[in-house]
N, C-alpha and C. Protein backbone atom coordinates (compact mmCIF):
# COMPACT_ATOMS: atom_id res chain seq x y z
N MET A 1 -31.10 8.34 -10.16
CA MET A 1 -30.34 9.68 -10.78
C MET A 1 -28.75 9.68 -10.05
N ALA A 2 -27.98 10.11 -10.93
CA ALA A 2 -26.19 10.08 -10.83
C ALA A 2 -26.03 10.95 -9.52
N GLY A 3 -25.38 10.26 -8.50
CA GLY A 3 -24.99 11.15 -7.76
C GLY A 3 -23.94 12.40 -7.66
N LYS A 4 -24.29 13.01 -6.98
CA LYS A 4 -23.70 14.46 -7.36
C LYS A 4 -22.58 14.55 -6.33
N PRO A 5 -20.89 14.99 -6.90
CA PRO A 5 -19.93 15.16 -6.35
C PRO A 5 -19.91 16.41 -5.37
N GLN A 6 -19.71 15.80 -4.18
CA GLN A 6 -19.76 16.96 -3.41
C GLN A 6 -18.22 18.44 -3.67
N PRO A 7 -18.48 19.52 -3.19
CA PRO A 7 -17.71 20.66 -3.20
C PRO A 7 -16.32 20.28 -3.09
N ASN A 8 -15.81 19.34 -2.11
CA ASN A 8 -14.50 19.11 -1.51
C ASN A 8 -13.90 18.75 -2.45
N LEU A 9 -15.09 17.34 -2.87
CA LEU A 9 -14.30 15.99 -3.84
C LEU A 9 -13.50 16.71 -5.49
N LEU A 10 -14.73 18.06 -5.56
CA LEU A 10 -14.16 18.92 -6.96
C LEU A 10 -12.68 19.67 -6.58
N ARG A 11 -12.72 19.78 -5.46
CA ARG A 11 -11.28 20.23 -5.09
C ARG A 11 -10.07 19.55 -5.46
N ARG A 12 -10.43 17.99 -4.80
CA ARG A 12 -9.39 16.99 -4.84
C ARG A 12 -9.13 16.65 -6.12
N LEU A 13 -10.28 16.72 -7.18
CA LEU A 13 -10.31 16.74 -8.25
C LEU A 13 -8.86 17.41 -8.83
N LYS A 14 -9.59 18.55 -8.85
CA LYS A 14 -8.77 19.89 -9.69
C LYS A 14 -6.76 19.63 -9.17
N ALA A 15 -7.03 19.07 -8.00
CA ALA A 15 -5.47 19.15 -7.15
C ALA A 15 -4.79 18.45 -8.08
N LEU A 16 -5.16 16.77 -8.42
CA LEU A 16 -4.63 16.12 -8.98
C LEU A 16 -4.60 16.08 -10.68
N GLY A 17 -3.36 15.21 -10.94
CA GLY A 17 -3.22 14.84 -11.94
C GLY A 17 -3.69 13.99 -13.06
N LEU A 18 -4.92 13.97 -12.84
CA LEU A 18 -5.48 12.92 -13.56
C LEU A 18 -5.44 12.42 -14.89
N THR A 19 -5.33 11.25 -15.28
CA THR A 19 -4.86 10.67 -16.68
C THR A 19 -6.41 10.58 -17.25
N GLU A 20 -6.45 10.51 -18.63
CA GLU A 20 -7.84 10.35 -19.39
C GLU A 20 -8.42 8.92 -18.97
N ASP A 21 -7.90 7.97 -18.87
CA ASP A 21 -8.51 6.67 -17.95
C ASP A 21 -8.97 6.99 -16.67
N ASP A 22 -8.27 7.82 -15.98
CA ASP A 22 -8.98 8.46 -14.74
C ASP A 22 -10.02 9.14 -14.62
N LEU A 23 -10.48 9.97 -15.72
CA LEU A 23 -11.45 10.82 -15.81
C LEU A 23 -12.51 9.85 -16.51
N LYS A 24 -12.19 9.11 -17.42
CA LYS A 24 -13.37 8.08 -17.76
C LYS A 24 -13.70 7.00 -16.93
N SER A 25 -13.01 7.13 -15.57
CA SER A 25 -13.30 5.56 -14.66
C SER A 25 -14.64 6.64 -13.95
N LEU A 26 -14.15 8.26 -13.39
CA LEU A 26 -14.79 8.97 -12.87
C LEU A 26 -16.17 8.99 -13.72
N ALA A 27 -16.15 9.07 -14.78
CA ALA A 27 -17.42 9.34 -15.41
C ALA A 27 -18.22 8.36 -15.56
N GLU A 28 -17.51 7.10 -15.64
CA GLU A 28 -18.23 5.72 -15.44
C GLU A 28 -19.44 5.74 -14.13
N LEU A 29 -18.63 6.21 -13.21
CA LEU A 29 -18.97 5.94 -11.65
C LEU A 29 -20.30 6.72 -11.70
N LEU A 30 -20.24 8.04 -12.53
CA LEU A 30 -21.10 9.04 -12.22
C LEU A 30 -22.43 8.41 -12.84
N GLU A 31 -22.02 7.87 -13.97
CA GLU A 31 -23.29 7.38 -14.80
C GLU A 31 -24.01 6.26 -14.07
N GLN A 32 -23.22 5.54 -13.43
CA GLN A 32 -23.84 4.61 -12.48
C GLN A 32 -24.32 4.76 -11.17
N GLY A 33 -24.75 5.74 -11.05
CA GLY A 33 -25.30 6.33 -9.73
C GLY A 33 -24.48 6.60 -8.42
N ALA A 34 -23.06 6.67 -8.48
CA ALA A 34 -21.79 6.30 -7.61
C ALA A 34 -22.26 7.23 -6.60
N THR A 35 -22.44 7.46 -5.43
CA THR A 35 -22.47 7.63 -4.23
C THR A 35 -21.43 8.81 -3.66
N PRO A 36 -21.14 9.25 -2.89
CA PRO A 36 -19.97 10.33 -2.62
C PRO A 36 -18.95 9.71 -1.63
N ALA A 37 -19.37 8.85 -1.09
CA ALA A 37 -18.07 7.77 -0.61
C ALA A 37 -17.75 6.82 -1.63
N ASP A 38 -18.43 6.50 -2.77
CA ASP A 38 -17.50 5.60 -3.97
C ASP A 38 -16.91 6.87 -4.27
N LEU A 39 -17.10 7.76 -4.82
CA LEU A 39 -16.19 8.74 -5.40
C LEU A 39 -15.30 9.22 -4.67
N ALA A 40 -14.98 9.51 -3.32
CA ALA A 40 -13.77 9.47 -2.13
C ALA A 40 -13.31 8.39 -2.39
N ALA A 41 -13.67 7.64 -2.47
CA ALA A 41 -12.58 6.07 -2.41
C ALA A 41 -11.89 5.74 -3.85
N HIS A 42 -12.60 6.41 -4.66
CA HIS A 42 -11.63 6.34 -6.36
C HIS A 42 -10.83 7.44 -6.08
N ILE A 43 -11.18 8.59 -5.69
CA ILE A 43 -10.30 9.27 -5.75
C ILE A 43 -8.97 9.32 -5.09
N GLN A 44 -9.14 8.30 -3.80
CA GLN A 44 -8.19 8.35 -2.75
C GLN A 44 -7.05 6.83 -3.40
N ARG A 45 -7.54 5.95 -4.20
CA ARG A 45 -6.84 5.92 -4.55
C ARG A 45 -6.19 5.90 -6.28
N ALA A 46 -6.50 7.45 -6.92
CA ALA A 46 -6.10 7.98 -7.65
C ALA A 46 -4.88 8.77 -6.95
N GLU A 47 -4.95 9.24 -6.10
CA GLU A 47 -4.19 10.19 -4.70
C GLU A 47 -2.81 9.06 -4.75
N GLU A 48 -3.21 8.01 -4.30
CA GLU A 48 -1.73 6.86 -3.59
C GLU A 48 -1.24 6.93 -5.35
N SER A 49 -1.95 6.38 -6.55
CA SER A 49 -1.21 6.31 -7.83
C SER A 49 -0.48 7.49 -7.99
N SER A 50 -1.00 8.60 -7.92
CA SER A 50 -0.09 9.81 -8.31
C SER A 50 1.18 10.11 -7.09
N ARG A 51 1.07 9.62 -5.85
CA ARG A 51 1.96 9.63 -4.97
C ARG A 51 3.60 8.43 -5.16
N LEU A 52 2.75 7.18 -5.67
CA LEU A 52 3.63 6.29 -5.93
C LEU A 52 4.58 6.96 -7.66
N LYS A 53 3.92 7.39 -8.17
CA LYS A 53 4.25 7.69 -9.27
C LYS A 53 5.33 8.74 -9.04
N THR A 54 5.12 9.92 -7.88
CA THR A 54 6.08 10.95 -7.71
C THR A 54 6.95 10.29 -7.26
N LEU A 55 7.16 9.17 -6.34
CA LEU A 55 7.92 8.87 -5.55
C LEU A 55 9.25 7.72 -6.41
N PHE A 56 8.76 7.20 -7.58
CA PHE A 56 9.16 6.59 -8.64
C PHE A 56 10.17 7.68 -9.01
N LEU A 57 9.39 8.70 -9.92
CA LEU A 57 10.57 9.92 -10.02
C LEU A 57 11.29 10.24 -9.33
N GLN A 58 11.45 10.50 -7.83
CA GLN A 58 12.20 10.88 -7.28
C GLN A 58 13.66 9.65 -7.32
N LEU A 59 12.91 8.50 -7.20
CA LEU A 59 14.39 7.62 -7.14
C LEU A 59 14.55 7.54 -8.57
N VAL A 60 14.11 7.26 -9.51
CA VAL A 60 15.10 7.40 -10.78
C VAL A 60 15.87 8.77 -10.83
N SER A 61 15.47 9.86 -10.61
CA SER A 61 16.42 11.36 -10.44
C SER A 61 17.61 10.81 -9.23
N ARG A 62 17.65 10.25 -8.42
CA ARG A 62 18.59 9.79 -7.67
C ARG A 62 19.46 8.77 -8.54
N GLU A 63 18.94 7.65 -8.76
CA GLU A 63 19.22 6.72 -9.68
C GLU A 63 20.10 7.09 -10.42
N LEU A 64 19.97 8.23 -11.49
CA LEU A 64 20.52 8.67 -12.81
C LEU A 64 21.40 9.55 -12.24
N GLY A 65 20.55 10.44 -11.39
CA GLY A 65 21.88 11.73 -11.13
C GLY A 65 22.91 11.83 -10.57
N GLY A 66 23.37 10.43 -9.83
CA GLY A 66 24.66 10.18 -9.10
C GLY A 66 25.57 9.59 -10.16
N PRO A 67 25.03 8.65 -10.98
CA PRO A 67 26.29 7.92 -12.29
C PRO A 67 26.63 9.23 -12.84
N ALA A 68 25.41 9.85 -13.50
CA ALA A 68 25.80 11.04 -14.80
C ALA A 68 26.62 11.85 -14.00
N GLU A 69 26.85 12.26 -12.72
CA GLU A 69 27.37 13.18 -12.51
C GLU A 69 28.81 13.09 -12.39
N GLU A 70 28.93 11.47 -11.87
CA GLU A 70 30.11 11.02 -11.81
C GLU A 70 30.48 10.60 -13.15
N LEU A 71 29.68 10.19 -14.37
CA LEU A 71 30.36 10.09 -15.38
C LEU A 71 31.29 11.52 -15.79
N ARG A 72 30.74 12.52 -15.72
CA ARG A 72 30.01 13.95 -15.88
C ARG A 72 32.17 13.91 -15.50
N LYS A 73 32.27 13.78 -14.21
CA LYS A 73 33.53 14.53 -13.33
C LYS A 73 34.80 13.33 -14.29
N GLN A 74 34.10 12.08 -14.24
CA GLN A 74 35.35 11.00 -14.80
C GLN A 74 36.10 11.55 -16.48
N VAL A 75 35.19 11.56 -17.10
CA VAL A 75 35.40 11.96 -18.51
C VAL A 75 36.20 13.22 -18.13
N GLU A 76 35.96 14.25 -17.57
CA GLU A 76 36.43 15.57 -17.82
C GLU A 76 38.18 15.29 -16.99
N GLU A 77 38.48 14.54 -15.99
CA GLU A 77 39.39 14.27 -15.53
C GLU A 77 40.42 13.36 -16.54
N MET A 78 39.90 12.75 -17.10
CA MET A 78 40.60 11.78 -18.28
C MET A 78 41.03 12.79 -19.05
N THR A 79 40.00 13.58 -19.80
CA THR A 79 40.90 14.59 -21.00
C THR A 79 41.73 15.34 -20.45
N GLN A 80 42.16 15.35 -19.01
CA GLN A 80 43.58 16.22 -18.78
C GLN A 80 44.71 15.26 -18.28
N GLU A 81 44.24 14.18 -18.46
CA GLU A 81 45.47 12.88 -17.44
C GLU A 81 46.57 12.64 -19.05
N PRO A 82 48.05 13.03 -18.35
CA PRO A 82 48.90 12.64 -19.88
C PRO A 82 49.21 11.31 -19.51
N ASP A 83 49.27 10.73 -18.26
CA ASP A 83 49.99 9.74 -18.05
C ASP A 83 49.13 8.56 -18.53
N PRO A 84 49.51 7.70 -19.19
CA PRO A 84 48.72 6.43 -19.89
C PRO A 84 48.19 5.41 -19.36
N TRP A 85 49.13 5.03 -18.37
CA TRP A 85 48.48 4.48 -17.22
C TRP A 85 47.47 4.10 -16.68
N LYS A 86 47.71 5.77 -15.46
CA LYS A 86 46.59 6.53 -15.04
C LYS A 86 45.07 6.30 -16.21
N LEU A 87 45.46 6.71 -17.43
CA LEU A 87 44.46 7.18 -18.08
C LEU A 87 43.90 5.60 -18.79
N ARG A 88 44.34 4.61 -18.18
CA ARG A 88 43.38 3.34 -18.54
C ARG A 88 42.92 2.42 -17.29
N GLU A 89 43.70 2.85 -16.29
CA GLU A 89 42.68 3.05 -14.92
C GLU A 89 41.66 3.45 -14.95
N GLY A 90 41.97 4.77 -15.59
CA GLY A 90 40.63 5.46 -15.44
C GLY A 90 39.55 5.21 -16.44
N LEU A 91 39.91 4.57 -17.45
CA LEU A 91 38.82 4.30 -18.43
C LEU A 91 38.13 2.78 -18.12
N LYS A 92 39.04 2.05 -17.16
CA LYS A 92 38.07 0.98 -16.35
C LYS A 92 37.03 1.30 -15.14
N GLU A 93 37.44 2.59 -14.46
CA GLU A 93 36.63 2.98 -13.33
C GLU A 93 35.01 3.38 -14.58
N LEU A 94 35.40 4.03 -15.48
CA LEU A 94 34.12 4.92 -16.32
C LEU A 94 33.75 3.71 -17.09
N LEU A 95 34.11 2.45 -17.31
CA LEU A 95 33.14 1.72 -17.72
C LEU A 95 32.49 1.26 -16.79
N GLU A 96 33.02 1.26 -15.32
CA GLU A 96 31.99 0.76 -14.30
C GLU A 96 30.54 1.60 -14.01
N THR A 97 31.05 2.62 -14.53
CA THR A 97 29.88 3.81 -14.00
C THR A 97 29.04 3.41 -15.07
N VAL A 98 29.29 3.50 -16.59
CA VAL A 98 28.55 3.21 -17.90
C VAL A 98 27.84 2.48 -17.46
N HIS A 99 28.27 0.85 -16.68
CA HIS A 99 27.57 -0.48 -16.60
C HIS A 99 26.41 0.04 -15.70
N HIS A 100 26.96 1.19 -14.72
CA HIS A 100 25.81 1.24 -13.62
C HIS A 100 24.58 1.92 -14.16
N LEU A 101 25.27 2.96 -15.18
CA LEU A 101 23.80 3.59 -15.95
C LEU A 101 23.14 2.98 -16.80
N HIS A 102 23.50 1.89 -17.21
CA HIS A 102 22.83 0.67 -18.51
C HIS A 102 22.06 -0.27 -17.26
N ARG A 103 22.32 -0.54 -16.45
CA ARG A 103 21.53 -1.29 -15.58
C ARG A 103 20.36 -0.44 -14.92
N THR A 104 20.59 0.85 -14.48
CA THR A 104 19.40 1.53 -14.33
C THR A 104 18.52 1.81 -15.29
N VAL A 105 19.35 1.90 -16.34
CA VAL A 105 18.42 2.33 -17.78
C VAL A 105 17.48 0.99 -17.93
N ARG A 106 18.06 -0.05 -17.69
CA ARG A 106 17.14 -1.57 -17.95
C ARG A 106 16.25 -1.57 -17.06
N ASN A 107 16.75 -1.57 -15.75
CA ASN A 107 15.35 -1.69 -14.51
C ASN A 107 14.48 -0.47 -15.16
N LEU A 108 14.50 0.58 -15.82
CA LEU A 108 13.35 1.21 -15.54
C LEU A 108 12.46 0.43 -17.23
N ILE A 109 13.14 0.49 -18.15
CA ILE A 109 12.49 -0.33 -19.08
C ILE A 109 12.10 -1.55 -19.08
N ASP A 110 12.70 -2.55 -17.72
CA ASP A 110 11.71 -3.50 -16.95
C ASP A 110 10.61 -3.17 -16.31
N THR A 111 10.59 -2.09 -15.84
CA THR A 111 9.52 -2.04 -15.24
C THR A 111 8.44 -1.29 -15.73
N ALA A 112 9.09 -0.05 -17.21
CA ALA A 112 7.78 -0.17 -17.91
C ALA A 112 7.08 -1.08 -18.80
N THR A 113 7.56 -2.08 -18.94
CA THR A 113 7.20 -3.07 -19.99
C THR A 113 6.17 -4.32 -18.98
N ILE A 114 6.48 -4.23 -17.72
CA ILE A 114 5.82 -5.29 -16.48
C ILE A 114 4.43 -4.22 -16.38
N GLU A 115 4.69 -3.04 -16.60
CA GLU A 115 3.29 -2.53 -16.06
C GLU A 115 2.47 -2.65 -17.24
N ALA A 116 3.41 -2.28 -18.37
CA ALA A 116 2.31 -2.91 -19.96
C ALA A 116 2.30 -4.25 -20.19
N GLY A 117 2.21 -4.96 -19.12
CA GLY A 117 1.94 -6.55 -19.24
C GLY A 117 2.45 -6.70 -20.78
N ALA A 118 3.79 -6.27 -21.31
CA ALA A 118 4.71 -6.68 -22.27
C ALA A 118 5.66 -7.81 -22.01
N VAL A 119 6.17 -8.17 -20.78
CA VAL A 119 7.78 -8.84 -20.94
C VAL A 119 7.85 -9.62 -21.45
N GLN A 120 8.86 -9.92 -22.10
CA GLN A 120 9.09 -11.19 -23.05
C GLN A 120 10.76 -11.74 -22.74
N LEU A 121 10.30 -12.89 -22.33
CA LEU A 121 11.67 -13.06 -22.07
C LEU A 121 12.16 -13.96 -22.47
N ARG A 122 13.76 -13.88 -22.97
CA ARG A 122 14.55 -14.62 -23.80
C ARG A 122 15.35 -15.81 -22.79
N GLN A 123 14.44 -16.86 -22.97
CA GLN A 123 14.95 -17.94 -22.44
C GLN A 123 16.75 -18.80 -23.00
N GLU A 124 17.51 -19.08 -22.52
CA GLU A 124 18.95 -19.51 -23.11
C GLU A 124 19.65 -20.69 -21.65
N SER A 125 20.13 -21.37 -21.68
CA SER A 125 20.77 -22.13 -21.33
C SER A 125 22.04 -21.04 -20.24
N VAL A 126 22.03 -20.78 -19.18
CA VAL A 126 22.96 -19.94 -18.36
C VAL A 126 23.46 -20.89 -17.41
N ASP A 127 25.47 -20.83 -17.37
CA ASP A 127 26.05 -21.12 -16.33
C ASP A 127 25.87 -20.36 -15.04
N LEU A 128 25.39 -20.29 -13.69
CA LEU A 128 24.98 -19.11 -13.02
C LEU A 128 26.18 -19.02 -12.41
N ALA A 129 26.82 -20.82 -12.64
CA ALA A 129 28.16 -20.89 -11.32
C ALA A 129 28.95 -19.23 -12.26
N SER A 130 29.18 -19.22 -13.46
CA SER A 130 30.15 -18.98 -13.67
C SER A 130 29.68 -17.34 -14.25
N LEU A 131 28.41 -17.20 -14.05
CA LEU A 131 28.00 -15.88 -14.38
C LEU A 131 28.06 -14.98 -12.81
N VAL A 132 27.63 -15.97 -11.66
CA VAL A 132 27.78 -15.14 -10.35
C VAL A 132 29.51 -15.16 -10.04
N SER A 133 30.37 -15.91 -10.36
CA SER A 133 31.51 -15.76 -10.17
C SER A 133 32.72 -14.50 -10.82
N GLY A 134 32.12 -14.05 -12.38
CA GLY A 134 32.39 -13.54 -12.99
C GLY A 134 31.74 -11.63 -12.25
N LEU A 135 30.76 -11.94 -11.71
CA LEU A 135 30.09 -10.41 -11.22
C LEU A 135 30.77 -10.40 -10.02
N ILE A 136 31.48 -11.31 -9.21
CA ILE A 136 31.81 -10.66 -8.07
C ILE A 136 33.59 -10.27 -8.56
N SER A 137 34.21 -11.39 -9.28
CA SER A 137 35.41 -10.33 -9.79
C SER A 137 35.19 -8.91 -10.13
N ARG A 138 34.47 -8.89 -11.00
CA ARG A 138 34.39 -7.51 -11.44
C ARG A 138 34.23 -6.56 -10.56
N ARG A 139 33.57 -6.46 -9.26
CA ARG A 139 33.70 -5.88 -8.36
C ARG A 139 34.95 -6.06 -7.69
N LEU A 140 35.57 -7.02 -7.40
CA LEU A 140 36.85 -6.99 -6.29
C LEU A 140 37.77 -6.05 -7.32
N GLN A 141 37.89 -6.01 -8.75
CA GLN A 141 38.89 -5.32 -9.10
C GLN A 141 38.33 -3.81 -8.60
N ARG A 142 37.52 -3.26 -8.44
CA ARG A 142 37.10 -1.42 -8.52
C ARG A 142 36.71 -1.49 -7.11
N LEU A 143 36.50 -3.02 -6.07
CA LEU A 143 36.00 -2.33 -4.53
C LEU A 143 37.61 -2.17 -3.58
N ARG A 144 37.86 -1.48 -3.25
CA ARG A 144 38.80 -1.34 -1.87
C ARG A 144 37.86 -1.39 -0.37
N GLY A 145 38.57 -2.62 0.13
CA GLY A 145 38.16 -2.70 1.66
C GLY A 145 37.24 -3.81 1.91
N TYR A 146 36.93 -4.62 0.50
CA TYR A 146 35.93 -5.49 0.72
C TYR A 146 36.67 -7.44 0.31
N ARG A 147 35.99 -7.96 1.12
CA ARG A 147 36.26 -9.58 0.80
C ARG A 147 34.96 -10.14 0.52
N ILE A 148 35.31 -10.67 -0.59
CA ILE A 148 33.64 -11.45 -1.18
C ILE A 148 34.11 -12.98 -1.29
N GLN A 149 33.43 -13.70 -0.49
CA GLN A 149 33.94 -14.98 -0.45
C GLN A 149 32.53 -16.05 -0.82
N PRO A 150 33.30 -16.52 -1.84
CA PRO A 150 31.77 -17.14 -2.67
C PRO A 150 31.88 -18.81 -2.29
N GLU A 151 30.62 -19.07 -1.80
CA GLU A 151 30.90 -20.71 -2.13
C GLU A 151 29.57 -21.18 -3.27
N MET A 152 30.50 -21.96 -3.99
CA MET A 152 29.76 -22.22 -5.54
C MET A 152 30.02 -24.06 -5.66
N PRO A 153 29.36 -24.15 -6.87
CA PRO A 153 29.30 -25.32 -7.38
C PRO A 153 30.52 -25.77 -7.68
N SER A 154 31.42 -26.59 -7.61
CA SER A 154 32.81 -26.93 -8.19
C SER A 154 32.77 -27.25 -10.07
N GLY A 155 31.28 -27.46 -10.23
CA GLY A 155 31.31 -27.45 -11.86
C GLY A 155 30.19 -26.64 -12.58
N ALA A 156 29.54 -26.84 -13.65
CA ALA A 156 28.61 -25.56 -14.04
C ALA A 156 27.22 -26.00 -12.98
N LEU A 157 26.61 -24.91 -13.12
CA LEU A 157 25.11 -24.49 -12.54
C LEU A 157 24.35 -23.97 -13.52
N ARG A 158 23.46 -25.17 -14.33
CA ARG A 158 23.07 -24.23 -15.59
C ARG A 158 21.33 -24.36 -15.30
N ALA A 159 20.82 -23.42 -15.90
CA ALA A 159 19.61 -23.12 -15.71
C ALA A 159 18.62 -22.83 -16.78
N ARG A 160 18.02 -22.62 -17.34
CA ARG A 160 17.10 -21.63 -18.32
C ARG A 160 16.80 -20.33 -17.71
N LEU A 161 17.32 -19.11 -18.29
CA LEU A 161 17.20 -18.20 -17.91
C LEU A 161 17.24 -17.19 -18.82
N ASP A 162 16.48 -15.69 -18.51
CA ASP A 162 16.77 -15.08 -19.29
C ASP A 162 18.29 -13.93 -19.00
N ARG A 163 19.38 -14.38 -19.39
CA ARG A 163 20.57 -13.87 -19.20
C ARG A 163 20.88 -12.31 -18.51
N GLU A 164 20.21 -11.68 -19.40
CA GLU A 164 20.49 -10.01 -19.12
C GLU A 164 19.77 -9.79 -17.65
N ARG A 165 18.64 -10.54 -17.88
CA ARG A 165 17.48 -10.02 -16.46
C ARG A 165 17.79 -10.57 -15.13
N ILE A 166 18.39 -11.82 -15.38
CA ILE A 166 19.32 -12.56 -14.10
C ILE A 166 20.76 -11.50 -13.77
N THR A 167 21.53 -11.15 -14.73
CA THR A 167 22.81 -10.75 -14.18
C THR A 167 22.25 -9.25 -13.56
N LEU A 168 20.91 -8.59 -14.18
CA LEU A 168 20.23 -7.46 -13.01
C LEU A 168 20.21 -8.18 -11.91
N LEU A 169 19.68 -8.84 -11.58
CA LEU A 169 18.80 -9.29 -10.53
C LEU A 169 20.15 -9.77 -9.38
N VAL A 170 21.21 -9.94 -9.71
CA VAL A 170 22.55 -10.64 -8.94
C VAL A 170 22.83 -9.64 -9.07
N ASP A 171 23.94 -8.64 -9.51
CA ASP A 171 23.89 -7.06 -9.26
C ASP A 171 23.28 -6.13 -8.55
N ASP A 172 22.05 -6.88 -8.35
CA ASP A 172 21.22 -5.51 -7.68
C ASP A 172 21.30 -6.51 -6.13
N LEU A 173 21.55 -7.32 -6.05
CA LEU A 173 22.18 -8.61 -4.85
C LEU A 173 22.80 -8.22 -4.04
N LEU A 174 23.79 -8.06 -5.06
CA LEU A 174 25.02 -8.02 -4.61
C LEU A 174 25.59 -6.55 -3.96
N ASP A 175 25.25 -5.45 -4.35
CA ASP A 175 24.81 -4.48 -4.63
C ASP A 175 24.35 -3.44 -3.34
N ALA A 176 23.11 -4.50 -2.97
CA ALA A 176 22.72 -4.33 -2.04
C ALA A 176 23.25 -4.70 -0.86
N ALA A 177 23.93 -5.89 -0.88
CA ALA A 177 24.88 -6.60 0.41
C ALA A 177 26.37 -5.27 0.58
N ILE A 178 26.38 -5.42 -0.69
CA ILE A 178 27.49 -3.97 -0.48
C ILE A 178 27.22 -2.75 0.61
N HIS A 179 25.99 -2.27 -0.03
CA HIS A 179 25.89 -1.02 0.55
C HIS A 179 25.42 -0.98 2.09
N LEU A 180 25.27 -2.16 2.77
CA LEU A 180 25.16 -2.44 4.37
C LEU A 180 26.13 -1.72 5.07
N SER A 181 27.80 -2.30 3.91
CA SER A 181 28.95 -1.86 4.74
C SER A 181 29.70 -0.83 3.65
N PRO A 182 29.46 0.31 3.87
CA PRO A 182 30.00 1.70 2.76
C PRO A 182 31.63 1.69 2.77
N GLU A 183 32.00 1.21 4.43
CA GLU A 183 33.37 1.12 4.69
C GLU A 183 34.48 0.30 3.95
N GLY A 184 33.43 -0.81 3.52
CA GLY A 184 34.21 -2.25 3.63
C GLY A 184 33.49 -3.37 4.38
N GLY A 185 34.26 -4.45 4.37
CA GLY A 185 33.89 -5.53 5.02
C GLY A 185 33.67 -6.92 4.07
N THR A 186 33.20 -8.04 5.02
CA THR A 186 33.15 -9.26 4.61
C THR A 186 31.91 -9.99 4.03
N ILE A 187 32.00 -10.15 2.64
CA ILE A 187 30.35 -10.74 2.23
C ILE A 187 30.23 -12.14 1.73
N LEU A 188 29.49 -13.07 2.29
CA LEU A 188 29.46 -14.49 1.60
C LEU A 188 28.50 -14.10 1.08
N VAL A 189 28.58 -15.23 -0.15
CA VAL A 189 28.05 -15.39 -1.64
C VAL A 189 27.77 -16.91 -1.56
N ARG A 190 26.49 -17.22 -1.36
CA ARG A 190 26.54 -18.63 -1.63
C ARG A 190 25.75 -19.02 -2.51
N LEU A 191 25.72 -19.85 -3.56
CA LEU A 191 25.12 -20.52 -4.96
C LEU A 191 24.81 -21.87 -4.70
N ALA A 192 23.62 -22.57 -5.02
CA ALA A 192 23.59 -24.10 -4.54
C ALA A 192 22.17 -24.56 -5.62
N ARG A 193 22.68 -25.38 -5.65
CA ARG A 193 20.90 -26.16 -6.16
C ARG A 193 20.55 -26.95 -4.95
N GLU A 194 19.31 -26.81 -4.54
CA GLU A 194 18.56 -27.60 -3.39
C GLU A 194 17.11 -27.95 -4.32
N GLY A 195 17.42 -29.53 -4.53
CA GLY A 195 16.56 -29.82 -5.26
C GLY A 195 16.11 -29.42 -6.71
N GLY A 196 14.63 -28.67 -6.40
CA GLY A 196 14.48 -28.67 -7.90
C GLY A 196 14.58 -27.34 -8.43
N GLU A 197 15.27 -26.28 -7.30
CA GLU A 197 15.78 -24.71 -6.81
C GLU A 197 16.59 -24.30 -6.89
N VAL A 198 17.07 -23.19 -7.55
CA VAL A 198 18.53 -23.17 -7.78
C VAL A 198 18.46 -21.44 -6.43
N ARG A 199 19.30 -21.42 -5.25
CA ARG A 199 19.25 -20.41 -4.46
C ARG A 199 20.22 -19.85 -4.28
N LEU A 200 20.19 -18.64 -4.64
CA LEU A 200 21.47 -17.71 -4.24
C LEU A 200 21.54 -16.54 -2.97
N ALA A 201 22.02 -16.22 -2.15
CA ALA A 201 22.37 -15.37 -1.49
C ALA A 201 23.37 -14.67 -0.91
N ALA A 202 23.37 -13.16 -0.79
CA ALA A 202 24.49 -12.85 0.06
C ALA A 202 24.35 -12.23 1.25
N GLU A 203 25.29 -12.48 2.06
CA GLU A 203 25.13 -11.99 2.94
C GLU A 203 26.47 -11.10 3.97
N ASN A 204 26.03 -10.10 4.27
CA ASN A 204 27.17 -9.23 4.85
C ASN A 204 27.48 -9.35 6.71
N ARG A 205 28.53 -9.71 6.52
CA ARG A 205 29.27 -10.11 7.95
C ARG A 205 29.61 -9.06 8.59
N SER A 206 29.31 -7.73 7.89
CA SER A 206 30.00 -6.55 8.27
C SER A 206 28.95 -5.82 8.55
N ALA A 207 27.93 -5.95 8.17
CA ALA A 207 26.85 -4.71 8.31
C ALA A 207 26.86 -4.44 9.50
N ASP A 208 26.42 -3.29 9.88
CA ASP A 208 26.22 -2.52 11.07
C ASP A 208 24.84 -1.60 10.49
N LEU A 209 23.61 -2.13 11.13
CA LEU A 209 22.53 -1.62 10.96
C LEU A 209 21.80 -0.69 12.23
N PRO A 210 21.48 0.64 11.77
CA PRO A 210 21.01 1.12 13.09
C PRO A 210 19.48 0.11 13.98
N GLU A 211 19.86 0.09 15.48
CA GLU A 211 19.05 -0.25 15.61
C GLU A 211 17.64 -0.21 15.84
N GLY A 212 16.78 -1.12 15.77
CA GLY A 212 15.43 -1.23 15.36
C GLY A 212 15.41 -1.05 13.76
N ARG A 213 16.17 -1.42 13.01
CA ARG A 213 15.83 -1.55 11.61
C ARG A 213 16.50 -2.99 11.15
N LEU A 214 16.47 -3.85 12.05
CA LEU A 214 16.89 -5.02 11.37
C LEU A 214 16.19 -6.12 10.83
N GLY A 215 14.74 -5.72 10.66
CA GLY A 215 14.09 -6.01 9.48
C GLY A 215 14.39 -5.46 8.38
């Protein structure tokens, strides 16, 4: 005989925004004679999934909200700027904001395709030394108070990669290192081939982490 869910489990079910797949799984458990303990474990996993989805939505809101508001301000200021030189400089800053939004949206799309198991990589021969140098140069044009010291191979360093996705990863690595010292600092970027692997590292030598958070 199928196990009968307890009232407290039913209350937890009602409090969850379960998907159709979740409900089907619960129905299958009931048909298989699941015990209240089995149902409780299943519901706990569903609750954790719901919590992670909420956390993901909060992260998305924060990542999109900041650049979107900055974009609005920049466009508003540019519509009132009479100086052509300042307008040109404003366009450069605007391009960086749009680029950041594009990266965020691409990360979201990648997350969705990974969850769906439908990732398709467009591999091509990419010169990583040139790509990383270009991303560093773009940051130096807009950042104030930072010194980025690259240690790169003397020539090209080629590998077969998805150019767009490796660009997103390098961007994220550089931004993470910069984030550790918001007021400026010195960042060392190393790119090298070691045996059959390519290694890229970013070290912020001015990072001031709170005690107890060095990990």
